[in-house]
Amino acid sequence: MIKQCAIIFGCLFIGELIVYFTGIKIPASIIGMLLLTSLLLLKIIKLDDVKEVSNFFVKHMGFFFIPPGVAIMVYYTLFKNELVAILLSAIISTLVVFFVVGWVYQKTMKHDE
């Protein structure tokens, strides 16, 4: 378990270093997970090296949404002023993702046939 955590958090740490030294405007967690995904795809890290801890994180993912949920409740007055813009952007982006994924799926299925 310690080795698995070290691999996952090591990728996150490298992502933090990349953001710190380059000033890239991408969250370090995204860069770290892209790094971990790349290492898995290149078979530098085996899936068994991170499987148990990854399954634990996925199984308890809801727990990790508690702090942002509490923050939204605490800062509701700030969100209230921009609620229409937030909801509108959430709805529009959801619809765009929905239609793009559907379109890509249809193209992929036609290509496979």
N, C-alpha and C. Protein backbone atom coordinates (compact mmCIF):
# COMPACT_ATOMS: atom_id res chain seq x y z
N MET A 1 0.82 -1.20 0.00
CA MET A 1 0.00 0.00 0.00
C MET A 1 0.86 1.26 0.00
N ILE A 2 1.95 1.24 0.74
CA ILE A 2 2.82 2.42 0.81
C ILE A 2 3.44 2.68 -0.55
N LYS A 3 3.86 1.62 -1.23
CA LYS A 3 4.45 1.77 -2.57
C LYS A 3 3.42 2.36 -3.53
N GLN A 4 2.18 1.88 -3.46
CA GLN A 4 1.13 2.37 -4.35
C GLN A 4 0.84 3.85 -4.09
N CYS A 5 0.74 4.21 -2.82
CA CYS A 5 0.52 5.63 -2.48
C CYS A 5 1.69 6.49 -2.93
N ALA A 6 2.90 5.96 -2.76
CA ALA A 6 4.09 6.71 -3.16
C ALA A 6 4.09 6.97 -4.66
N ILE A 7 3.67 6.01 -5.45
CA ILE A 7 3.62 6.19 -6.91
C ILE A 7 2.60 7.26 -7.27
N ILE A 8 1.39 7.14 -6.71
CA ILE A 8 0.32 8.09 -7.06
C ILE A 8 0.67 9.50 -6.59
N PHE A 9 1.10 9.62 -5.33
CA PHE A 9 1.43 10.95 -4.81
C PHE A 9 2.73 11.48 -5.41
N GLY A 10 3.61 10.57 -5.84
CA GLY A 10 4.82 11.00 -6.54
C GLY A 10 4.48 11.66 -7.86
N CYS A 11 3.53 11.08 -8.60
CA CYS A 11 3.09 11.69 -9.86
C CYS A 11 2.44 13.04 -9.60
N LEU A 12 1.66 13.12 -8.53
CA LEU A 12 1.05 14.40 -8.16
C LEU A 12 2.12 15.44 -7.82
N PHE A 13 3.14 15.02 -7.09
CA PHE A 13 4.23 15.93 -6.71
C PHE A 13 4.98 16.42 -7.94
N ILE A 14 5.25 15.52 -8.86
CA ILE A 14 5.93 15.94 -10.10
C ILE A 14 5.04 16.92 -10.87
N GLY A 15 3.74 16.70 -10.88
CA GLY A 15 2.82 17.66 -11.49
C GLY A 15 2.91 19.02 -10.83
N GLU A 16 3.00 19.03 -9.50
CA GLU A 16 3.16 20.30 -8.76
C GLU A 16 4.45 20.99 -9.15
N LEU A 17 5.53 20.22 -9.28
CA LEU A 17 6.81 20.81 -9.67
C LEU A 17 6.75 21.40 -11.08
N ILE A 18 6.11 20.69 -11.98
CA ILE A 18 5.98 21.17 -13.36
C ILE A 18 5.23 22.49 -13.39
N VAL A 19 4.13 22.57 -12.65
CA VAL A 19 3.35 23.82 -12.61
C VAL A 19 4.16 24.93 -11.97
N TYR A 20 4.86 24.62 -10.90
CA TYR A 20 5.63 25.64 -10.18
C TYR A 20 6.74 26.22 -11.05
N PHE A 21 7.48 25.35 -11.73
CA PHE A 21 8.63 25.82 -12.50
C PHE A 21 8.28 26.35 -13.88
N THR A 22 7.17 25.90 -14.46
CA THR A 22 6.82 26.36 -15.80
C THR A 22 5.76 27.45 -15.79
N GLY A 23 4.95 27.52 -14.73
CA GLY A 23 3.88 28.51 -14.69
C GLY A 23 2.69 28.15 -15.56
N ILE A 24 2.60 26.90 -15.96
CA ILE A 24 1.47 26.44 -16.78
C ILE A 24 0.18 26.67 -16.01
N LYS A 25 -0.86 27.06 -16.70
CA LYS A 25 -2.14 27.34 -16.06
C LYS A 25 -3.06 26.12 -16.03
N ILE A 26 -2.48 24.95 -15.90
CA ILE A 26 -3.23 23.70 -15.79
C ILE A 26 -3.06 23.20 -14.36
N PRO A 27 -4.12 22.71 -13.72
CA PRO A 27 -3.97 22.20 -12.35
C PRO A 27 -2.93 21.09 -12.27
N ALA A 28 -2.14 21.14 -11.22
CA ALA A 28 -1.07 20.15 -11.04
C ALA A 28 -1.63 18.74 -10.93
N SER A 29 -2.82 18.60 -10.36
CA SER A 29 -3.41 17.26 -10.22
C SER A 29 -3.70 16.65 -11.59
N ILE A 30 -4.11 17.49 -12.55
CA ILE A 30 -4.36 17.00 -13.91
C ILE A 30 -3.06 16.55 -14.56
N ILE A 31 -2.02 17.36 -14.41
CA ILE A 31 -0.72 16.99 -14.98
C ILE A 31 -0.20 15.71 -14.33
N GLY A 32 -0.36 15.59 -13.02
CA GLY A 32 0.07 14.38 -12.33
C GLY A 32 -0.66 13.15 -12.80
N MET A 33 -1.97 13.27 -13.00
CA MET A 33 -2.74 12.12 -13.46
C MET A 33 -2.43 11.78 -14.91
N LEU A 34 -2.14 12.80 -15.73
CA LEU A 34 -1.71 12.54 -17.10
C LEU A 34 -0.36 11.82 -17.10
N LEU A 35 0.51 12.22 -16.19
CA LEU A 35 1.80 11.55 -16.06
C LEU A 35 1.61 10.10 -15.64
N LEU A 36 0.76 9.86 -14.65
CA LEU A 36 0.49 8.50 -14.20
C LEU A 36 -0.12 7.67 -15.33
N THR A 37 -1.06 8.25 -16.06
CA THR A 37 -1.68 7.54 -17.19
C THR A 37 -0.63 7.20 -18.24
N SER A 38 0.24 8.15 -18.54
CA SER A 38 1.30 7.90 -19.52
C SER A 38 2.22 6.78 -19.06
N LEU A 39 2.61 6.80 -17.79
CA LEU A 39 3.48 5.75 -17.26
C LEU A 39 2.80 4.38 -17.32
N LEU A 40 1.50 4.34 -17.09
CA LEU A 40 0.76 3.08 -17.19
C LEU A 40 0.67 2.61 -18.64
N LEU A 41 0.37 3.54 -19.56
CA LEU A 41 0.26 3.16 -20.98
C LEU A 41 1.59 2.69 -21.56
N LEU A 42 2.68 3.33 -21.10
CA LEU A 42 4.01 2.94 -21.58
C LEU A 42 4.54 1.71 -20.85
N LYS A 43 3.76 1.20 -19.91
CA LYS A 43 4.10 0.02 -19.12
C LYS A 43 5.36 0.21 -18.28
N ILE A 44 5.66 1.47 -17.95
CA ILE A 44 6.75 1.74 -17.02
C ILE A 44 6.29 1.39 -15.61
N ILE A 45 5.02 1.67 -15.34
CA ILE A 45 4.38 1.26 -14.09
C ILE A 45 3.32 0.23 -14.46
N LYS A 46 3.28 -0.85 -13.71
CA LYS A 46 2.27 -1.88 -13.95
C LYS A 46 0.99 -1.52 -13.21
N LEU A 47 -0.14 -1.93 -13.77
CA LEU A 47 -1.43 -1.64 -13.15
C LEU A 47 -1.50 -2.19 -11.73
N ASP A 48 -0.92 -3.35 -11.50
CA ASP A 48 -0.94 -3.94 -10.16
C ASP A 48 -0.19 -3.08 -9.14
N ASP A 49 0.70 -2.20 -9.63
CA ASP A 49 1.46 -1.33 -8.73
C ASP A 49 0.61 -0.23 -8.10
N VAL A 50 -0.56 0.05 -8.67
CA VAL A 50 -1.42 1.12 -8.14
C VAL A 50 -2.89 0.70 -8.01
N LYS A 51 -3.19 -0.55 -8.27
CA LYS A 51 -4.58 -0.99 -8.39
C LYS A 51 -5.36 -0.87 -7.08
N GLU A 52 -4.82 -1.35 -5.97
CA GLU A 52 -5.57 -1.35 -4.71
C GLU A 52 -5.89 0.05 -4.22
N VAL A 53 -4.90 0.92 -4.22
CA VAL A 53 -5.11 2.29 -3.74
C VAL A 53 -6.03 3.04 -4.69
N SER A 54 -5.88 2.82 -5.98
CA SER A 54 -6.76 3.47 -6.96
C SER A 54 -8.21 3.04 -6.76
N ASN A 55 -8.42 1.75 -6.54
CA ASN A 55 -9.78 1.26 -6.28
C ASN A 55 -10.36 1.88 -5.02
N PHE A 56 -9.53 2.03 -3.99
CA PHE A 56 -9.98 2.66 -2.75
C PHE A 56 -10.43 4.10 -3.01
N PHE A 57 -9.60 4.86 -3.75
CA PHE A 57 -9.94 6.25 -4.04
C PHE A 57 -11.23 6.36 -4.84
N VAL A 58 -11.41 5.49 -5.82
CA VAL A 58 -12.62 5.52 -6.64
C VAL A 58 -13.84 5.13 -5.81
N LYS A 59 -13.68 4.11 -4.97
CA LYS A 59 -14.78 3.65 -4.14
C LYS A 59 -15.26 4.73 -3.17
N HIS A 60 -14.34 5.55 -2.67
CA HIS A 60 -14.67 6.58 -1.68
C HIS A 60 -14.63 7.99 -2.28
N MET A 61 -14.86 8.10 -3.58
CA MET A 61 -14.76 9.38 -4.25
C MET A 61 -15.73 10.42 -3.68
N GLY A 62 -16.91 9.99 -3.30
CA GLY A 62 -17.89 10.92 -2.74
C GLY A 62 -17.36 11.66 -1.53
N PHE A 63 -16.54 11.00 -0.74
CA PHE A 63 -15.95 11.61 0.44
C PHE A 63 -15.10 12.83 0.07
N PHE A 64 -14.45 12.78 -1.08
CA PHE A 64 -13.57 13.87 -1.49
C PHE A 64 -14.33 15.09 -2.00
N PHE A 65 -15.65 14.94 -2.20
CA PHE A 65 -16.46 16.08 -2.62
C PHE A 65 -17.07 16.83 -1.45
N ILE A 66 -16.89 16.33 -0.24
CA ILE A 66 -17.44 17.01 0.93
C ILE A 66 -16.83 18.39 1.14
N PRO A 67 -15.51 18.57 1.13
CA PRO A 67 -14.95 19.92 1.33
C PRO A 67 -15.43 20.96 0.31
N PRO A 68 -15.47 20.65 -0.99
CA PRO A 68 -16.01 21.65 -1.92
C PRO A 68 -17.48 21.95 -1.66
N GLY A 69 -18.24 20.93 -1.27
CA GLY A 69 -19.66 21.15 -0.97
C GLY A 69 -19.85 22.07 0.21
N VAL A 70 -19.04 21.88 1.24
CA VAL A 70 -19.10 22.75 2.42
C VAL A 70 -18.69 24.17 2.04
N ALA A 71 -17.67 24.30 1.21
CA ALA A 71 -17.21 25.63 0.79
C ALA A 71 -18.32 26.36 0.03
N ILE A 72 -19.06 25.64 -0.80
CA ILE A 72 -20.16 26.27 -1.53
C ILE A 72 -21.22 26.77 -0.55
N MET A 73 -21.50 25.98 0.48
CA MET A 73 -22.49 26.42 1.46
C MET A 73 -21.99 27.62 2.27
N VAL A 74 -20.71 27.61 2.62
CA VAL A 74 -20.14 28.71 3.41
C VAL A 74 -20.13 30.01 2.62
N TYR A 75 -19.77 29.92 1.34
CA TYR A 75 -19.64 31.12 0.51
C TYR A 75 -20.85 31.30 -0.41
N TYR A 76 -22.01 30.84 0.05
CA TYR A 76 -23.22 30.92 -0.77
C TYR A 76 -23.52 32.34 -1.21
N THR A 77 -23.26 33.33 -0.35
CA THR A 77 -23.57 34.72 -0.72
C THR A 77 -22.76 35.16 -1.93
N LEU A 78 -21.54 34.66 -2.05
CA LEU A 78 -20.74 34.99 -3.24
C LEU A 78 -21.31 34.32 -4.49
N PHE A 79 -21.74 33.07 -4.33
CA PHE A 79 -22.31 32.34 -5.46
C PHE A 79 -23.68 32.89 -5.85
N LYS A 80 -24.43 33.36 -4.87
CA LYS A 80 -25.79 33.83 -5.13
C LYS A 80 -25.81 34.95 -6.17
N ASN A 81 -24.84 35.84 -6.11
CA ASN A 81 -24.79 36.95 -7.07
C ASN A 81 -24.53 36.48 -8.50
N GLU A 82 -23.85 35.36 -8.64
CA GLU A 82 -23.50 34.85 -9.97
C GLU A 82 -24.21 33.54 -10.29
N LEU A 83 -25.27 33.23 -9.56
CA LEU A 83 -25.93 31.94 -9.70
C LEU A 83 -26.46 31.69 -11.11
N VAL A 84 -27.04 32.70 -11.73
CA VAL A 84 -27.59 32.52 -13.08
C VAL A 84 -26.46 32.20 -14.07
N ALA A 85 -25.36 32.92 -13.97
CA ALA A 85 -24.24 32.68 -14.88
C ALA A 85 -23.64 31.29 -14.65
N ILE A 86 -23.53 30.88 -13.39
CA ILE A 86 -22.98 29.57 -13.08
C ILE A 86 -23.88 28.47 -13.61
N LEU A 87 -25.17 28.58 -13.36
CA LEU A 87 -26.11 27.56 -13.83
C LEU A 87 -26.17 27.51 -15.35
N LEU A 88 -26.19 28.67 -15.97
CA LEU A 88 -26.23 28.73 -17.43
C LEU A 88 -24.99 28.08 -18.05
N SER A 89 -23.83 28.40 -17.51
CA SER A 89 -22.61 27.81 -18.06
C SER A 89 -22.55 26.31 -17.80
N ALA A 90 -23.05 25.86 -16.65
CA ALA A 90 -23.07 24.43 -16.35
C ALA A 90 -24.01 23.69 -17.31
N ILE A 91 -25.16 24.26 -17.57
CA ILE A 91 -26.13 23.62 -18.47
C ILE A 91 -25.60 23.58 -19.90
N ILE A 92 -25.08 24.70 -20.36
CA ILE A 92 -24.56 24.76 -21.74
C ILE A 92 -23.38 23.81 -21.92
N SER A 93 -22.43 23.82 -20.96
CA SER A 93 -21.27 22.94 -21.10
C SER A 93 -21.67 21.47 -21.04
N THR A 94 -22.66 21.14 -20.21
CA THR A 94 -23.14 19.77 -20.14
C THR A 94 -23.76 19.35 -21.48
N LEU A 95 -24.56 20.21 -22.07
CA LEU A 95 -25.17 19.89 -23.36
C LEU A 95 -24.11 19.75 -24.46
N VAL A 96 -23.12 20.63 -24.45
CA VAL A 96 -22.05 20.55 -25.46
C VAL A 96 -21.32 19.22 -25.33
N VAL A 97 -20.95 18.85 -24.09
CA VAL A 97 -20.26 17.58 -23.88
C VAL A 97 -21.14 16.42 -24.31
N PHE A 98 -22.42 16.46 -23.97
CA PHE A 98 -23.37 15.41 -24.33
C PHE A 98 -23.40 15.21 -25.84
N PHE A 99 -23.54 16.31 -26.59
CA PHE A 99 -23.64 16.19 -28.04
C PHE A 99 -22.31 15.81 -28.69
N VAL A 100 -21.21 16.31 -28.17
CA VAL A 100 -19.91 15.95 -28.75
C VAL A 100 -19.60 14.48 -28.51
N VAL A 101 -19.87 13.99 -27.32
CA VAL A 101 -19.63 12.57 -27.04
C VAL A 101 -20.53 11.70 -27.92
N GLY A 102 -21.79 12.09 -28.08
CA GLY A 102 -22.69 11.34 -28.95
C GLY A 102 -22.21 11.33 -30.39
N TRP A 103 -21.76 12.48 -30.87
CA TRP A 103 -21.27 12.58 -32.25
C TRP A 103 -20.02 11.73 -32.44
N VAL A 104 -19.08 11.80 -31.49
CA VAL A 104 -17.85 11.00 -31.59
C VAL A 104 -18.19 9.51 -31.53
N TYR A 105 -19.12 9.13 -30.68
CA TYR A 105 -19.53 7.73 -30.58
C TYR A 105 -20.10 7.25 -31.91
N GLN A 106 -20.97 8.06 -32.52
CA GLN A 106 -21.55 7.67 -33.81
C GLN A 106 -20.49 7.52 -34.88
N LYS A 107 -19.54 8.46 -34.91
CA LYS A 107 -18.45 8.38 -35.90
C LYS A 107 -17.59 7.15 -35.66
N THR A 108 -17.33 6.84 -34.40
CA THR A 108 -16.52 5.69 -34.08
C THR A 108 -17.22 4.40 -34.46
N MET A 109 -18.53 4.32 -34.21
CA MET A 109 -19.28 3.12 -34.56
C MET A 109 -19.34 2.93 -36.07
N LYS A 110 -19.50 4.01 -36.82
CA LYS A 110 -19.52 3.90 -38.28
C LYS A 110 -18.16 3.43 -38.78
N HIS A 111 -17.10 3.93 -38.15
CA HIS A 111 -15.74 3.56 -38.56
C HIS A 111 -15.47 2.08 -38.27
N ASP A 112 -15.99 1.57 -37.16
CA ASP A 112 -15.79 0.17 -36.79
C ASP A 112 -16.53 -0.78 -37.72
N GLU A 113 -17.68 -0.34 -38.26
CA GLU A 113 -18.47 -1.19 -39.15
C GLU A 113 -17.79 -1.25 -40.50
